[in-house]
PDB file of all heavy atoms in Angstrom:
ATOM      1  N   VAL A   1     -66.510 119.840  61.732  1.00  0.00           N
ATOM      2  CA  VAL A   1     -67.714 119.467  60.925  1.00  0.00           C
ATOM      3  C   VAL A   1     -68.234 120.670  60.181  1.00  0.00           C
ATOM      4  O   VAL A   1     -68.583 120.599  59.010  1.00  0.00           O
ATOM      5  CB  VAL A   1     -68.788 118.860  61.838  1.00  0.00           C
ATOM      6  CG1 VAL A   1     -70.091 118.655  61.083  1.00  0.00           C
ATOM      7  CG2 VAL A   1     -68.322 117.534  62.435  1.00  0.00           C
ATOM      8  N   ALA A   2     -68.252 121.827  60.854  1.00  0.00           N
ATOM      9  CA  ALA A   2     -68.719 123.074  60.223  1.00  0.00           C
ATOM     10  C   ALA A   2     -67.794 123.490  59.086  1.00  0.00           C
ATOM     11  O   ALA A   2     -68.252 123.962  58.030  1.00  0.00           O
ATOM     12  CB  ALA A   2     -68.800 124.175  61.253  1.00  0.00           C
ATOM     13  N   LEU A   3     -66.512 123.277  59.254  1.00  0.00           N
ATOM     14  CA  LEU A   3     -65.540 123.633  58.210  1.00  0.00           C
ATOM     15  C   LEU A   3     -65.748 122.772  56.977  1.00  0.00           C
ATOM     16  O   LEU A   3     -65.679 123.260  55.831  1.00  0.00           O
ATOM     17  CB  LEU A   3     -64.113 123.486  58.715  1.00  0.00           C
ATOM     18  CG  LEU A   3     -62.988 123.868  57.744  1.00  0.00           C
ATOM     19  CD1 LEU A   3     -63.094 125.338  57.347  1.00  0.00           C
ATOM     20  CD2 LEU A   3     -61.615 123.566  58.374  1.00  0.00           C
ATOM     21  N   PHE A   4     -65.971 121.503  57.196  1.00  0.00           N
ATOM     22  CA  PHE A   4     -66.270 120.615  56.045  1.00  0.00           C
ATOM     23  C   PHE A   4     -67.533 121.098  55.313  1.00  0.00           C
ATOM     24  O   PHE A   4     -67.569 121.129  54.092  1.00  0.00           O
ATOM     25  CB  PHE A   4     -66.448 119.183  56.498  1.00  0.00           C
ATOM     26  CG  PHE A   4     -65.168 118.375  56.612  1.00  0.00           C
ATOM     27  CD1 PHE A   4     -64.831 117.747  57.810  1.00  0.00           C
ATOM     28  CD2 PHE A   4     -64.317 118.284  55.522  1.00  0.00           C
ATOM     29  CE1 PHE A   4     -63.650 117.025  57.893  1.00  0.00           C
ATOM     30  CE2 PHE A   4     -63.127 117.556  55.650  1.00  0.00           C
ATOM     31  CZ  PHE A   4     -62.804 116.919  56.803  1.00  0.00           C
ATOM     32  N   ALA A   5     -68.536 121.465  56.065  1.00  0.00           N
ATOM     33  CA  ALA A   5     -69.765 121.953  55.438  1.00  0.00           C
ATOM     34  C   ALA A   5     -69.531 123.179  54.595  1.00  0.00           C
ATOM     35  O   ALA A   5     -70.077 123.336  53.483  1.00  0.00           O
ATOM     36  CB  ALA A   5     -70.820 122.239  56.516  1.00  0.00           C
ATOM     37  N   GLN A   6     -68.655 124.071  55.054  1.00  0.00           N
ATOM     38  CA  GLN A   6     -68.312 125.264  54.306  1.00  0.00           C
ATOM     39  C   GLN A   6     -67.625 124.913  52.984  1.00  0.00           C
ATOM     40  O   GLN A   6     -67.670 125.698  52.028  1.00  0.00           O
ATOM     41  CB  GLN A   6     -67.400 126.186  55.113  1.00  0.00           C
ATOM     42  CG  GLN A   6     -68.102 126.822  56.325  1.00  0.00           C
ATOM     43  CD  GLN A   6     -67.119 127.552  57.251  1.00  0.00           C
ATOM     44  OE1 GLN A   6     -65.981 127.817  56.833  1.00  0.00           O
ATOM     45  NE2 GLN A   6     -67.574 127.795  58.450  1.00  0.00           N
ATOM     46  N   ASN A   7     -66.992 123.756  52.956  1.00  0.00           N
ATOM     47  CA  ASN A   7     -66.306 123.291  51.768  1.00  0.00           C
ATOM     48  C   ASN A   7     -67.146 122.347  50.927  1.00  0.00           C
ATOM     49  O   ASN A   7     -66.617 121.660  50.065  1.00  0.00           O
ATOM     50  CB  ASN A   7     -64.973 122.639  52.155  1.00  0.00           C
ATOM     51  CG  ASN A   7     -63.881 123.592  52.518  1.00  0.00           C
ATOM     52  OD1 ASN A   7     -63.207 124.181  51.642  1.00  0.00           O
ATOM     53  ND2 ASN A   7     -63.707 123.824  53.812  1.00  0.00           N
ATOM     54  N   GLY A   8     -68.434 122.285  51.208  1.00  0.00           N
ATOM     55  CA  GLY A   8     -69.339 121.460  50.420  1.00  0.00           C
ATOM     56  C   GLY A   8     -69.299 119.990  50.741  1.00  0.00           C
ATOM     57  O   GLY A   8     -69.681 119.158  49.906  1.00  0.00           O
ATOM     58  N   ILE A   9     -68.784 119.617  51.925  1.00  0.00           N
ATOM     59  CA  ILE A   9     -68.658 118.213  52.339  1.00  0.00           C
ATOM     60  C   ILE A   9     -69.546 118.000  53.563  1.00  0.00           C
ATOM     61  O   ILE A   9     -69.346 118.638  54.603  1.00  0.00           O
ATOM     62  CB  ILE A   9     -67.214 117.867  52.617  1.00  0.00           C
ATOM     63  CG1 ILE A   9     -66.349 118.074  51.373  1.00  0.00           C
ATOM     64  CG2 ILE A   9     -67.091 116.418  53.126  1.00  0.00           C
ATOM     65  CD1 ILE A   9     -64.875 118.098  51.628  1.00  0.00           C
ATOM     66  N   GLU A  10     -70.485 117.053  53.466  1.00  0.00           N
ATOM     67  CA  GLU A  10     -71.402 116.780  54.567  1.00  0.00           C
ATOM     68  C   GLU A  10     -70.890 115.610  55.389  1.00  0.00           C
ATOM     69  O   GLU A  10     -70.553 114.554  54.842  1.00  0.00           O
ATOM     70  CB  GLU A  10     -72.761 116.468  53.995  1.00  0.00           C
ATOM     71  CG  GLU A  10     -73.819 116.211  55.053  1.00  0.00           C
ATOM     72  CD  GLU A  10     -75.168 115.836  54.491  1.00  0.00           C
ATOM     73  OE1 GLU A  10     -75.294 115.750  53.238  1.00  0.00           O
ATOM     74  OE2 GLU A  10     -76.139 115.645  55.279  1.00  0.00           O
ATOM     75  N   VAL A  11     -70.858 115.771  56.689  1.00  0.00           N
ATOM     76  CA  VAL A  11     -70.482 114.709  57.600  1.00  0.00           C
ATOM     77  C   VAL A  11     -71.790 113.967  57.989  1.00  0.00           C
ATOM     78  O   VAL A  11     -72.590 114.462  58.757  1.00  0.00           O
ATOM     79  CB  VAL A  11     -69.786 115.222  58.871  1.00  0.00           C
ATOM     80  CG1 VAL A  11     -69.497 114.090  59.827  1.00  0.00           C
ATOM     81  CG2 VAL A  11     -68.472 115.939  58.465  1.00  0.00           C
ATOM     82  N   LEU A  12     -71.974 112.790  57.404  1.00  0.00           N
ATOM     83  CA  LEU A  12     -73.195 112.011  57.655  1.00  0.00           C
ATOM     84  C   LEU A  12     -73.142 111.227  58.957  1.00  0.00           C
ATOM     85  O   LEU A  12     -74.167 110.953  59.572  1.00  0.00           O
ATOM     86  CB  LEU A  12     -73.448 111.050  56.478  1.00  0.00           C
ATOM     87  CG  LEU A  12     -73.806 111.648  55.130  1.00  0.00           C
ATOM     88  CD1 LEU A  12     -74.071 110.518  54.141  1.00  0.00           C
ATOM     89  CD2 LEU A  12     -75.011 112.553  55.244  1.00  0.00           C
ATOM     90  N   ALA A  13     -71.956 110.845  59.348  1.00  0.00           N
ATOM     91  CA  ALA A  13     -71.772 110.035  60.557  1.00  0.00           C
ATOM     92  C   ALA A  13     -70.480 110.483  61.227  1.00  0.00           C
ATOM     93  O   ALA A  13     -69.500 110.742  60.548  1.00  0.00           O
ATOM     94  CB  ALA A  13     -71.747 108.544  60.257  1.00  0.00           C
ATOM     95  N   GLU A  14     -70.518 110.553  62.553  1.00  0.00           N
ATOM     96  CA  GLU A  14     -69.341 111.038  63.248  1.00  0.00           C
ATOM     97  C   GLU A  14     -69.196 110.323  64.593  1.00  0.00           C
ATOM     98  O   GLU A  14     -70.208 110.057  65.271  1.00  0.00           O
ATOM     99  CB  GLU A  14     -69.469 112.539  63.495  1.00  0.00           C
ATOM    100  CG  GLU A  14     -68.279 113.155  64.196  1.00  0.00           C
ATOM    101  CD  GLU A  14     -68.482 113.275  65.711  1.00  0.00           C
ATOM    102  OE1 GLU A  14     -69.628 113.580  66.115  1.00  0.00           O
ATOM    103  OE2 GLU A  14     -67.521 113.047  66.455  1.00  0.00           O
ATOM    104  N   ALA A  15     -67.976 109.944  64.927  1.00  0.00           N
ATOM    105  CA  ALA A  15     -67.737 109.312  66.226  1.00  0.00           C
ATOM    106  C   ALA A  15     -66.330 109.750  66.686  1.00  0.00           C
ATOM    107  O   ALA A  15     -65.444 109.965  65.897  1.00  0.00           O
ATOM    108  CB  ALA A  15     -67.793 107.782  66.152  1.00  0.00           C
ATOM    109  N   SER A  16     -66.181 109.870  68.000  1.00  0.00           N
ATOM    110  CA  SER A  16     -64.928 110.350  68.563  1.00  0.00           C
ATOM    111  C   SER A  16     -64.525 109.511  69.749  1.00  0.00           C
ATOM    112  O   SER A  16     -65.386 108.942  70.462  1.00  0.00           O
ATOM    113  CB  SER A  16     -65.108 111.806  69.018  1.00  0.00           C
ATOM    114  OG  SER A  16     -63.957 112.252  69.728  1.00  0.00           O
ATOM    115  N   PHE A  17     -63.213 109.423  69.991  1.00  0.00           N
ATOM    116  CA  PHE A  17     -62.688 108.773  71.180  1.00  0.00           C
ATOM    117  C   PHE A  17     -62.771 109.704  72.422  1.00  0.00           C
ATOM    118  O   PHE A  17     -62.505 109.273  73.523  1.00  0.00           O
ATOM    119  CB  PHE A  17     -61.233 108.342  70.951  1.00  0.00           C
ATOM    120  CG  PHE A  17     -61.090 107.308  69.869  1.00  0.00           C
ATOM    121  CD1 PHE A  17     -60.421 107.572  68.708  1.00  0.00           C
ATOM    122  CD2 PHE A  17     -61.621 106.031  70.017  1.00  0.00           C
ATOM    123  CE1 PHE A  17     -60.286 106.654  67.678  1.00  0.00           C
ATOM    124  CE2 PHE A  17     -61.498 105.074  69.032  1.00  0.00           C
ATOM    125  CZ  PHE A  17     -60.820 105.379  67.871  1.00  0.00           C
ATOM    126  N   GLY A  18     -63.140 110.971  72.175  1.00  0.00           N
ATOM    127  CA  GLY A  18     -63.395 111.892  73.268  1.00  0.00           C
ATOM    128  C   GLY A  18     -62.220 112.270  74.127  1.00  0.00           C
ATOM    129  O   GLY A  18     -62.375 112.462  75.323  1.00  0.00           O
ATOM    130  N   GLN A  19     -61.045 112.401  73.482  1.00  0.00           N
ATOM    131  CA  GLN A  19     -59.829 112.674  74.249  1.00  0.00           C
ATOM    132  C   GLN A  19     -59.339 114.114  74.033  1.00  0.00           C
ATOM    133  O   GLN A  19     -59.305 114.582  72.907  1.00  0.00           O
ATOM    134  CB  GLN A  19     -58.737 111.697  73.856  1.00  0.00           C
ATOM    135  CG  GLN A  19     -59.064 110.241  74.137  1.00  0.00           C
ATOM    136  CD  GLN A  19     -59.339 109.998  75.608  1.00  0.00           C
ATOM    137  OE1 GLN A  19     -58.551 110.364  76.478  1.00  0.00           O
ATOM    138  NE2 GLN A  19     -60.490 109.391  75.879  1.00  0.00           N
ATOM    139  N   SER A  20     -58.944 114.769  75.104  1.00  0.00           N
ATOM    140  CA  SER A  20     -58.355 116.079  74.990  1.00  0.00           C
ATOM    141  C   SER A  20     -56.847 116.026  75.293  1.00  0.00           C
ATOM    142  O   SER A  20     -56.154 117.050  75.222  1.00  0.00           O
ATOM    143  CB  SER A  20     -58.999 117.051  75.979  1.00  0.00           C
ATOM    144  OG  SER A  20     -58.802 116.636  77.316  1.00  0.00           O
ATOM    145  N   GLU A  21     -56.335 114.874  75.618  1.00  0.00           N
ATOM    146  CA  GLU A  21     -54.917 114.689  75.969  1.00  0.00           C
ATOM    147  C   GLU A  21     -54.143 114.054  74.794  1.00  0.00           C
ATOM    148  O   GLU A  21     -54.395 112.915  74.418  1.00  0.00           O
ATOM    149  CB  GLU A  21     -54.834 113.775  77.202  1.00  0.00           C
ATOM    150  CG  GLU A  21     -53.450 113.337  77.588  1.00  0.00           C
ATOM    151  CD  GLU A  21     -52.479 114.440  77.833  1.00  0.00           C
ATOM    152  OE1 GLU A  21     -52.717 115.209  78.794  1.00  0.00           O
ATOM    153  OE2 GLU A  21     -51.497 114.564  77.107  1.00  0.00           O
ATOM    154  N   ASP A  22     -53.238 114.837  74.209  1.00  0.00           N
ATOM    155  CA  ASP A  22     -52.550 114.396  72.988  1.00  0.00           C
ATOM    156  C   ASP A  22     -51.674 113.185  73.222  1.00  0.00           C
ATOM    157  O   ASP A  22     -51.465 112.358  72.335  1.00  0.00           O
ATOM    158  CB  ASP A  22     -51.738 115.549  72.393  1.00  0.00           C
ATOM    159  CG  ASP A  22     -51.661 115.471  70.861  1.00  0.00           C
ATOM    160  OD1 ASP A  22     -52.508 114.769  70.277  1.00  0.00           O
ATOM    161  OD2 ASP A  22     -50.753 116.092  70.282  1.00  0.00           O
ATOM    162  N   TRP A  23     -51.089 113.058  74.409  1.00  0.00           N
ATOM    163  CA  TRP A  23     -50.294 111.862  74.688  1.00  0.00           C
ATOM    164  C   TRP A  23     -51.113 110.609  74.628  1.00  0.00           C
ATOM    165  O   TRP A  23     -50.645 109.552  74.202  1.00  0.00           O
ATOM    166  CB  TRP A  23     -49.617 112.018  76.087  1.00  0.00           C
ATOM    167  CG  TRP A  23     -48.702 113.160  76.228  1.00  0.00           C
ATOM    168  CD1 TRP A  23     -48.854 114.234  77.016  1.00  0.00           C
ATOM    169  CD2 TRP A  23     -47.432 113.335  75.558  1.00  0.00           C
ATOM    170  NE1 TRP A  23     -47.796 115.109  76.891  1.00  0.00           N
ATOM    171  CE2 TRP A  23     -46.899 114.567  75.969  1.00  0.00           C
ATOM    172  CE3 TRP A  23     -46.688 112.594  74.641  1.00  0.00           C
ATOM    173  CZ2 TRP A  23     -45.688 115.072  75.549  1.00  0.00           C
ATOM    174  CZ3 TRP A  23     -45.472 113.085  74.183  1.00  0.00           C
ATOM    175  CH2 TRP A  23     -44.981 114.295  74.629  1.00  0.00           C
ATOM    176  N   THR A  24     -52.375 110.695  75.025  1.00  0.00           N
ATOM    177  CA  THR A  24     -53.269 109.536  74.936  1.00  0.00           C
ATOM    178  C   THR A  24     -53.606 109.235  73.472  1.00  0.00           C
ATOM    179  O   THR A  24     -53.624 108.076  73.050  1.00  0.00           O
ATOM    180  CB  THR A  24     -54.581 109.820  75.721  1.00  0.00           C
ATOM    181  OG1 THR A  24     -54.259 110.098  77.084  1.00  0.00           O
ATOM    182  CG2 THR A  24     -55.515 108.617  75.642  1.00  0.00           C
ATOM    183  N   VAL A  25     -53.872 110.261  72.721  1.00  0.00           N
ATOM    184  CA  VAL A  25     -54.249 110.074  71.311  1.00  0.00           C
ATOM    185  C   VAL A  25     -53.176 109.316  70.542  1.00  0.00           C
ATOM    186  O   VAL A  25     -53.492 108.414  69.754  1.00  0.00           O
ATOM    187  CB  VAL A  25     -54.502 111.447  70.603  1.00  0.00           C
ATOM    188  CG1 VAL A  25     -54.752 111.276  69.127  1.00  0.00           C
ATOM    189  CG2 VAL A  25     -55.697 112.158  71.262  1.00  0.00           C
ATOM    190  N   GLY A  26     -51.930 109.621  70.786  1.00  0.00           N
ATOM    191  CA  GLY A  26     -50.835 108.958  70.102  1.00  0.00           C
ATOM    192  C   GLY A  26     -50.708 107.485  70.385  1.00  0.00           C
ATOM    193  O   GLY A  26     -50.005 106.756  69.678  1.00  0.00           O
ATOM    194  N   ARG A  27     -51.387 107.026  71.436  1.00  0.00           N
ATOM    195  CA  ARG A  27     -51.301 105.609  71.825  1.00  0.00           C
ATOM    196  C   ARG A  27     -52.598 104.827  71.533  1.00  0.00           C
ATOM    197  O   ARG A  27     -52.712 103.646  71.859  1.00  0.00           O
ATOM    198  CB  ARG A  27     -50.950 105.487  73.314  1.00  0.00           C
ATOM    199  CG  ARG A  27     -49.588 106.064  73.663  1.00  0.00           C
ATOM    200  CD  ARG A  27     -49.095 105.609  75.019  1.00  0.00           C
ATOM    201  NE  ARG A  27     -50.034 106.015  76.078  1.00  0.00           N
ATOM    202  CZ  ARG A  27     -50.021 107.209  76.691  1.00  0.00           C
ATOM    203  NH1 ARG A  27     -49.119 108.125  76.335  1.00  0.00           N
ATOM    204  NH2 ARG A  27     -50.892 107.471  77.631  1.00  0.00           N
TER     205      ARG A  27
END
């Protein structure tokens, strides 16, 4: 989100699946 802001892009809404396990993300 901070990187987008540095590039002039504002994140107005954000949601995450809250996963730190990449095998889960792929499914």
